[in-house]
Amino acid sequence: MGGYWFARIFELLNYIIYSNHIPADIQIGENTSFEHHGLGCVVHSKVTIGANCKIFQNVTIGAKWPEGSKIDGVPQIGNNVQIGCGAVIIGNITIGDNVYIGANAVVLKDVPDNSIAIGVPAEIKARRVASN
């Protein structure tokens, strides 16, 4: 029980100091980081974020509200994903592994592995893989 309250106090301090809402109980993989202290980031409590991800400032990851008042679901984010500043990822979608999401992109549909998502709404581009 003590760990729960400690996590909630830490969550509140983050909100006050860095103006972010990153719930203490979301599932985040190893070595994932919120760059710039997660300044301005908002993440839904049911989101899953994989390992080795980098999330920059002012990113929103959460549910969208379809025409009714029921929440549509939340994104599931894979491993090795980099999310640029100001990006918005909303809805019941999957972001694959090794994906780059550009700054200020608005992602409303699934992004396959090894892709780049850029623009408003985001367009999906194949990511070039370096050959040795």
N, C-alpha and C. Protein backbone atom coordinates (compact mmCIF):
# COMPACT_ATOMS: atom_id res chain seq x y z
N MET A 1 0.82 -1.19 0.00
CA MET A 1 0.00 0.00 0.00
C MET A 1 0.86 1.26 0.00
N GLY A 2 1.99 1.22 0.70
CA GLY A 2 2.86 2.39 0.76
C GLY A 2 3.46 2.76 -0.59
N GLY A 3 3.76 1.73 -1.43
CA GLY A 3 4.30 1.99 -2.75
C GLY A 3 3.32 2.72 -3.64
N TYR A 4 2.02 2.42 -3.48
CA TYR A 4 0.98 3.08 -4.26
C TYR A 4 0.98 4.58 -3.99
N TRP A 5 0.99 4.94 -2.73
CA TRP A 5 0.94 6.36 -2.38
C TRP A 5 2.22 7.07 -2.77
N PHE A 6 3.35 6.40 -2.64
CA PHE A 6 4.61 7.01 -3.07
C PHE A 6 4.57 7.31 -4.57
N ALA A 7 4.07 6.35 -5.36
CA ALA A 7 3.97 6.54 -6.81
C ALA A 7 3.02 7.69 -7.14
N ARG A 8 1.91 7.78 -6.45
CA ARG A 8 0.95 8.86 -6.70
C ARG A 8 1.52 10.23 -6.33
N ILE A 9 2.28 10.30 -5.24
CA ILE A 9 2.92 11.57 -4.86
C ILE A 9 3.95 11.97 -5.90
N PHE A 10 4.73 11.00 -6.38
CA PHE A 10 5.71 11.27 -7.43
C PHE A 10 5.01 11.74 -8.70
N GLU A 11 3.89 11.12 -9.04
CA GLU A 11 3.10 11.53 -10.21
C GLU A 11 2.63 12.97 -10.06
N LEU A 12 2.14 13.33 -8.89
CA LEU A 12 1.67 14.69 -8.62
C LEU A 12 2.81 15.70 -8.70
N LEU A 13 3.97 15.36 -8.15
CA LEU A 13 5.12 16.26 -8.24
C LEU A 13 5.55 16.47 -9.69
N ASN A 14 5.54 15.41 -10.49
CA ASN A 14 5.86 15.56 -11.91
C ASN A 14 4.87 16.50 -12.59
N TYR A 15 3.59 16.36 -12.24
CA TYR A 15 2.57 17.22 -12.82
C TYR A 15 2.82 18.69 -12.46
N ILE A 16 3.14 18.94 -11.22
CA ILE A 16 3.35 20.31 -10.77
C ILE A 16 4.62 20.91 -11.37
N ILE A 17 5.70 20.17 -11.35
CA ILE A 17 7.00 20.69 -11.80
C ILE A 17 7.13 20.73 -13.32
N TYR A 18 6.71 19.66 -14.00
CA TYR A 18 6.95 19.54 -15.44
C TYR A 18 5.69 19.65 -16.29
N SER A 19 4.55 19.94 -15.69
CA SER A 19 3.29 20.08 -16.43
C SER A 19 3.01 18.88 -17.31
N ASN A 20 3.22 17.69 -16.79
CA ASN A 20 2.92 16.50 -17.56
C ASN A 20 1.95 15.61 -16.79
N HIS A 21 1.35 14.69 -17.52
CA HIS A 21 0.52 13.68 -16.87
C HIS A 21 0.95 12.33 -17.43
N ILE A 22 1.86 11.69 -16.72
CA ILE A 22 2.34 10.36 -17.05
C ILE A 22 2.00 9.49 -15.84
N PRO A 23 0.90 8.74 -15.93
CA PRO A 23 0.47 7.98 -14.76
C PRO A 23 1.53 7.00 -14.28
N ALA A 24 1.59 6.83 -12.99
CA ALA A 24 2.57 5.95 -12.38
C ALA A 24 2.30 4.48 -12.68
N ASP A 25 1.08 4.14 -13.07
CA ASP A 25 0.74 2.74 -13.26
C ASP A 25 0.70 2.29 -14.72
N ILE A 26 1.16 3.11 -15.67
CA ILE A 26 1.17 2.64 -17.05
C ILE A 26 2.33 1.67 -17.27
N GLN A 27 2.19 0.83 -18.30
CA GLN A 27 3.22 -0.15 -18.60
C GLN A 27 4.22 0.47 -19.58
N ILE A 28 5.47 0.61 -19.12
CA ILE A 28 6.53 1.19 -19.93
C ILE A 28 7.71 0.23 -19.90
N GLY A 29 8.26 -0.11 -21.09
CA GLY A 29 9.37 -1.04 -21.19
C GLY A 29 10.69 -0.44 -20.72
N GLU A 30 11.69 -1.30 -20.59
CA GLU A 30 13.01 -0.88 -20.13
C GLU A 30 13.65 0.13 -21.08
N ASN A 31 14.42 1.03 -20.52
CA ASN A 31 15.20 2.03 -21.25
C ASN A 31 14.36 2.99 -22.07
N THR A 32 13.08 3.08 -21.81
CA THR A 32 12.25 4.08 -22.46
C THR A 32 12.39 5.37 -21.67
N SER A 33 12.52 6.48 -22.40
CA SER A 33 12.72 7.75 -21.71
C SER A 33 11.82 8.83 -22.27
N PHE A 34 11.40 9.71 -21.37
CA PHE A 34 10.70 10.92 -21.74
C PHE A 34 11.75 12.02 -21.71
N GLU A 35 12.17 12.44 -22.89
CA GLU A 35 13.22 13.46 -22.98
C GLU A 35 12.70 14.79 -22.43
N HIS A 36 13.60 15.65 -21.98
CA HIS A 36 13.26 16.95 -21.41
C HIS A 36 12.27 16.81 -20.27
N HIS A 37 12.44 15.76 -19.46
CA HIS A 37 11.63 15.49 -18.27
C HIS A 37 10.16 15.26 -18.60
N GLY A 38 9.85 14.95 -19.84
CA GLY A 38 8.45 14.72 -20.21
C GLY A 38 7.63 16.00 -20.20
N LEU A 39 8.28 17.13 -20.38
CA LEU A 39 7.62 18.43 -20.30
C LEU A 39 6.38 18.47 -21.18
N GLY A 40 5.23 18.68 -20.58
CA GLY A 40 3.98 18.83 -21.30
C GLY A 40 3.38 17.55 -21.87
N CYS A 41 3.95 16.39 -21.58
CA CYS A 41 3.42 15.13 -22.13
C CYS A 41 2.16 14.70 -21.37
N VAL A 42 1.21 14.14 -22.13
CA VAL A 42 0.00 13.59 -21.54
C VAL A 42 -0.16 12.18 -22.09
N VAL A 43 -0.25 11.19 -21.19
CA VAL A 43 -0.35 9.79 -21.58
C VAL A 43 -1.53 9.16 -20.84
N HIS A 44 -2.40 8.48 -21.58
CA HIS A 44 -3.55 7.79 -20.98
C HIS A 44 -3.05 6.65 -20.09
N SER A 45 -3.75 6.37 -19.03
CA SER A 45 -3.31 5.37 -18.06
C SER A 45 -3.34 3.94 -18.59
N LYS A 46 -4.01 3.67 -19.68
CA LYS A 46 -4.09 2.31 -20.22
C LYS A 46 -3.14 2.08 -21.40
N VAL A 47 -2.35 3.07 -21.77
CA VAL A 47 -1.40 2.94 -22.87
C VAL A 47 -0.27 1.98 -22.48
N THR A 48 0.22 1.22 -23.44
CA THR A 48 1.39 0.37 -23.25
C THR A 48 2.49 0.89 -24.16
N ILE A 49 3.67 1.11 -23.59
CA ILE A 49 4.82 1.61 -24.35
C ILE A 49 5.93 0.59 -24.22
N GLY A 50 6.53 0.20 -25.35
CA GLY A 50 7.57 -0.82 -25.37
C GLY A 50 8.90 -0.33 -24.83
N ALA A 51 9.93 -1.13 -25.06
CA ALA A 51 11.28 -0.85 -24.57
C ALA A 51 12.05 0.03 -25.56
N ASN A 52 13.03 0.74 -25.03
CA ASN A 52 13.98 1.54 -25.82
C ASN A 52 13.31 2.61 -26.67
N CYS A 53 12.26 3.22 -26.14
CA CYS A 53 11.57 4.29 -26.86
C CYS A 53 12.06 5.65 -26.34
N LYS A 54 11.98 6.66 -27.21
CA LYS A 54 12.28 8.04 -26.82
C LYS A 54 11.06 8.87 -27.16
N ILE A 55 10.57 9.57 -26.15
CA ILE A 55 9.38 10.40 -26.31
C ILE A 55 9.77 11.82 -25.94
N PHE A 56 9.61 12.73 -26.88
CA PHE A 56 10.02 14.11 -26.67
C PHE A 56 8.88 14.93 -26.07
N GLN A 57 9.10 16.20 -25.82
CA GLN A 57 8.17 17.05 -25.09
C GLN A 57 6.86 17.30 -25.84
N ASN A 58 5.83 17.60 -25.05
CA ASN A 58 4.50 17.97 -25.54
C ASN A 58 3.82 16.91 -26.40
N VAL A 59 4.06 15.65 -26.11
CA VAL A 59 3.44 14.54 -26.83
C VAL A 59 2.15 14.14 -26.11
N THR A 60 1.10 13.85 -26.89
CA THR A 60 -0.15 13.35 -26.35
C THR A 60 -0.39 11.94 -26.88
N ILE A 61 -0.61 11.00 -25.97
CA ILE A 61 -0.89 9.61 -26.34
C ILE A 61 -2.14 9.21 -25.58
N GLY A 62 -3.25 8.98 -26.31
CA GLY A 62 -4.46 8.65 -25.58
C GLY A 62 -5.62 8.23 -26.43
N ALA A 63 -6.79 8.26 -25.82
CA ALA A 63 -8.02 7.81 -26.45
C ALA A 63 -8.63 8.95 -27.25
N LYS A 64 -9.46 8.57 -28.21
CA LYS A 64 -10.28 9.59 -28.87
C LYS A 64 -11.73 9.29 -28.54
N TRP A 65 -12.54 10.29 -28.66
CA TRP A 65 -13.95 10.16 -28.34
C TRP A 65 -14.72 10.12 -29.65
N PRO A 66 -15.19 8.93 -30.04
CA PRO A 66 -16.00 8.88 -31.25
C PRO A 66 -17.32 9.60 -31.04
N GLU A 67 -18.22 9.52 -31.99
CA GLU A 67 -19.45 10.29 -31.92
C GLU A 67 -20.24 10.06 -30.64
N GLY A 68 -20.19 8.87 -30.09
CA GLY A 68 -20.83 8.63 -28.79
C GLY A 68 -19.92 9.13 -27.69
N SER A 69 -20.27 8.83 -26.47
CA SER A 69 -19.44 9.29 -25.36
C SER A 69 -18.53 8.21 -24.82
N LYS A 70 -18.46 7.06 -25.50
CA LYS A 70 -17.64 5.95 -25.04
C LYS A 70 -16.23 6.06 -25.61
N ILE A 71 -15.22 5.84 -24.78
CA ILE A 71 -13.83 5.90 -25.24
C ILE A 71 -13.56 4.78 -26.23
N ASP A 72 -12.82 5.10 -27.29
CA ASP A 72 -12.58 4.18 -28.40
C ASP A 72 -11.42 3.21 -28.17
N GLY A 73 -10.62 3.39 -27.18
CA GLY A 73 -9.42 2.57 -26.97
C GLY A 73 -8.18 3.45 -27.02
N VAL A 74 -7.06 2.86 -26.68
CA VAL A 74 -5.82 3.63 -26.60
C VAL A 74 -4.72 2.98 -27.44
N PRO A 75 -3.70 3.74 -27.80
CA PRO A 75 -2.60 3.19 -28.59
C PRO A 75 -1.75 2.19 -27.82
N GLN A 76 -1.21 1.25 -28.57
CA GLN A 76 -0.21 0.31 -28.05
C GLN A 76 1.05 0.60 -28.85
N ILE A 77 2.13 0.93 -28.17
CA ILE A 77 3.36 1.37 -28.83
C ILE A 77 4.42 0.30 -28.68
N GLY A 78 5.07 -0.05 -29.80
CA GLY A 78 6.07 -1.12 -29.82
C GLY A 78 7.41 -0.69 -29.26
N ASN A 79 8.45 -1.44 -29.59
CA ASN A 79 9.81 -1.20 -29.12
C ASN A 79 10.57 -0.32 -30.11
N ASN A 80 11.57 0.40 -29.60
CA ASN A 80 12.46 1.22 -30.42
C ASN A 80 11.70 2.26 -31.22
N VAL A 81 10.76 2.92 -30.59
CA VAL A 81 9.96 3.95 -31.25
C VAL A 81 10.45 5.31 -30.78
N GLN A 82 10.60 6.24 -31.73
CA GLN A 82 10.95 7.61 -31.38
C GLN A 82 9.78 8.50 -31.77
N ILE A 83 9.28 9.28 -30.80
CA ILE A 83 8.13 10.14 -31.01
C ILE A 83 8.59 11.59 -30.88
N GLY A 84 8.49 12.33 -31.97
CA GLY A 84 8.95 13.72 -32.00
C GLY A 84 8.07 14.65 -31.19
N CYS A 85 8.60 15.82 -30.88
CA CYS A 85 7.89 16.77 -30.03
C CYS A 85 6.57 17.21 -30.66
N GLY A 86 5.57 17.35 -29.82
CA GLY A 86 4.27 17.82 -30.25
C GLY A 86 3.41 16.80 -30.96
N ALA A 87 3.86 15.56 -31.10
CA ALA A 87 3.09 14.54 -31.80
C ALA A 87 1.84 14.17 -30.99
N VAL A 88 0.79 13.77 -31.71
CA VAL A 88 -0.45 13.32 -31.10
C VAL A 88 -0.75 11.94 -31.65
N ILE A 89 -0.90 10.97 -30.76
CA ILE A 89 -1.20 9.59 -31.14
C ILE A 89 -2.46 9.21 -30.38
N ILE A 90 -3.58 9.06 -31.12
CA ILE A 90 -4.84 8.80 -30.42
C ILE A 90 -5.65 7.70 -31.10
N GLY A 91 -6.41 7.01 -30.28
CA GLY A 91 -7.32 5.99 -30.76
C GLY A 91 -6.82 4.59 -30.50
N ASN A 92 -7.62 3.64 -30.89
CA ASN A 92 -7.32 2.23 -30.70
C ASN A 92 -6.41 1.76 -31.84
N ILE A 93 -5.14 2.14 -31.78
CA ILE A 93 -4.19 1.85 -32.86
C ILE A 93 -2.93 1.18 -32.30
N THR A 94 -2.15 0.61 -33.21
CA THR A 94 -0.90 -0.03 -32.85
C THR A 94 0.24 0.65 -33.59
N ILE A 95 1.26 1.01 -32.86
CA ILE A 95 2.49 1.55 -33.44
C ILE A 95 3.50 0.42 -33.37
N GLY A 96 4.03 0.01 -34.53
CA GLY A 96 4.94 -1.13 -34.59
C GLY A 96 6.31 -0.83 -34.02
N ASP A 97 7.22 -1.78 -34.18
CA ASP A 97 8.60 -1.64 -33.71
C ASP A 97 9.42 -0.84 -34.72
N ASN A 98 10.46 -0.16 -34.21
CA ASN A 98 11.41 0.59 -35.05
C ASN A 98 10.73 1.66 -35.88
N VAL A 99 9.82 2.41 -35.25
CA VAL A 99 9.06 3.44 -35.93
C VAL A 99 9.54 4.82 -35.49
N TYR A 100 9.58 5.76 -36.44
CA TYR A 100 9.81 7.17 -36.15
C TYR A 100 8.50 7.91 -36.39
N ILE A 101 8.09 8.71 -35.42
CA ILE A 101 6.92 9.57 -35.59
C ILE A 101 7.44 11.00 -35.55
N GLY A 102 7.20 11.73 -36.62
CA GLY A 102 7.75 13.08 -36.76
C GLY A 102 7.13 14.08 -35.81
N ALA A 103 7.82 15.19 -35.64
CA ALA A 103 7.33 16.28 -34.80
C ALA A 103 5.99 16.78 -35.32
N ASN A 104 5.07 17.00 -34.41
CA ASN A 104 3.73 17.52 -34.68
C ASN A 104 2.86 16.63 -35.56
N ALA A 105 3.25 15.37 -35.77
CA ALA A 105 2.42 14.44 -36.53
C ALA A 105 1.17 14.11 -35.72
N VAL A 106 0.07 13.87 -36.43
CA VAL A 106 -1.17 13.43 -35.79
C VAL A 106 -1.46 12.03 -36.32
N VAL A 107 -1.23 11.03 -35.49
CA VAL A 107 -1.34 9.63 -35.90
C VAL A 107 -2.69 9.09 -35.46
N LEU A 108 -3.49 8.69 -36.47
CA LEU A 108 -4.85 8.22 -36.22
C LEU A 108 -5.07 6.78 -36.68
N LYS A 109 -4.05 6.17 -37.30
CA LYS A 109 -4.20 4.79 -37.77
C LYS A 109 -2.92 4.02 -37.49
N ASP A 110 -3.00 2.71 -37.60
CA ASP A 110 -1.86 1.84 -37.31
C ASP A 110 -0.63 2.23 -38.13
N VAL A 111 0.54 2.08 -37.50
CA VAL A 111 1.81 2.31 -38.17
C VAL A 111 2.58 1.00 -38.13
N PRO A 112 2.89 0.41 -39.30
CA PRO A 112 3.58 -0.89 -39.31
C PRO A 112 5.04 -0.76 -38.87
N ASP A 113 5.64 -1.90 -38.55
CA ASP A 113 7.06 -1.94 -38.18
C ASP A 113 7.90 -1.24 -39.25
N ASN A 114 9.03 -0.66 -38.80
CA ASN A 114 10.03 -0.07 -39.70
C ASN A 114 9.45 1.00 -40.61
N SER A 115 8.64 1.89 -40.03
CA SER A 115 8.01 2.95 -40.81
C SER A 115 8.28 4.31 -40.20
N ILE A 116 7.91 5.33 -40.96
CA ILE A 116 7.97 6.72 -40.51
C ILE A 116 6.58 7.30 -40.68
N ALA A 117 6.07 7.99 -39.68
CA ALA A 117 4.77 8.65 -39.76
C ALA A 117 4.99 10.15 -39.64
N ILE A 118 4.57 10.90 -40.68
CA ILE A 118 4.76 12.35 -40.68
C ILE A 118 3.52 13.04 -41.22
N GLY A 119 3.26 14.24 -40.73
CA GLY A 119 2.18 15.06 -41.26
C GLY A 119 0.92 15.04 -40.42
N VAL A 120 -0.06 15.83 -40.93
CA VAL A 120 -1.35 15.97 -40.26
C VAL A 120 -2.45 15.77 -41.30
N PRO A 121 -3.22 14.71 -41.27
CA PRO A 121 -2.98 13.51 -40.48
C PRO A 121 -1.74 12.78 -41.00
N ALA A 122 -1.17 11.95 -40.19
CA ALA A 122 0.11 11.32 -40.52
C ALA A 122 0.00 10.41 -41.74
N GLU A 123 0.98 10.54 -42.61
CA GLU A 123 1.15 9.62 -43.73
C GLU A 123 2.24 8.65 -43.35
N ILE A 124 2.09 7.40 -43.77
CA ILE A 124 3.04 6.36 -43.42
C ILE A 124 4.01 6.17 -44.58
N LYS A 125 5.29 6.24 -44.29
CA LYS A 125 6.35 6.04 -45.27
C LYS A 125 7.21 4.86 -44.83
N ALA A 126 7.71 4.11 -45.80
CA ALA A 126 8.64 3.02 -45.48
C ALA A 126 9.94 3.63 -45.00
N ARG A 127 10.53 3.00 -44.01
CA ARG A 127 11.81 3.47 -43.47
C ARG A 127 12.93 2.71 -44.16
N ARG A 128 13.91 3.43 -44.64
CA ARG A 128 15.06 2.79 -45.28
C ARG A 128 15.92 2.15 -44.22
N VAL A 129 16.30 0.92 -44.49
CA VAL A 129 17.16 0.19 -43.57
C VAL A 129 18.56 0.16 -44.19
N ALA A 130 19.54 0.59 -43.43
CA ALA A 130 20.92 0.60 -43.93
C ALA A 130 21.41 -0.81 -44.16
N SER A 131 22.03 -1.04 -45.29
CA SER A 131 22.60 -2.37 -45.57
C SER A 131 24.10 -2.31 -45.41
N ASN A 132 24.66 -3.34 -44.85
CA ASN A 132 26.11 -3.39 -44.61
C ASN A 132 26.79 -4.26 -45.60
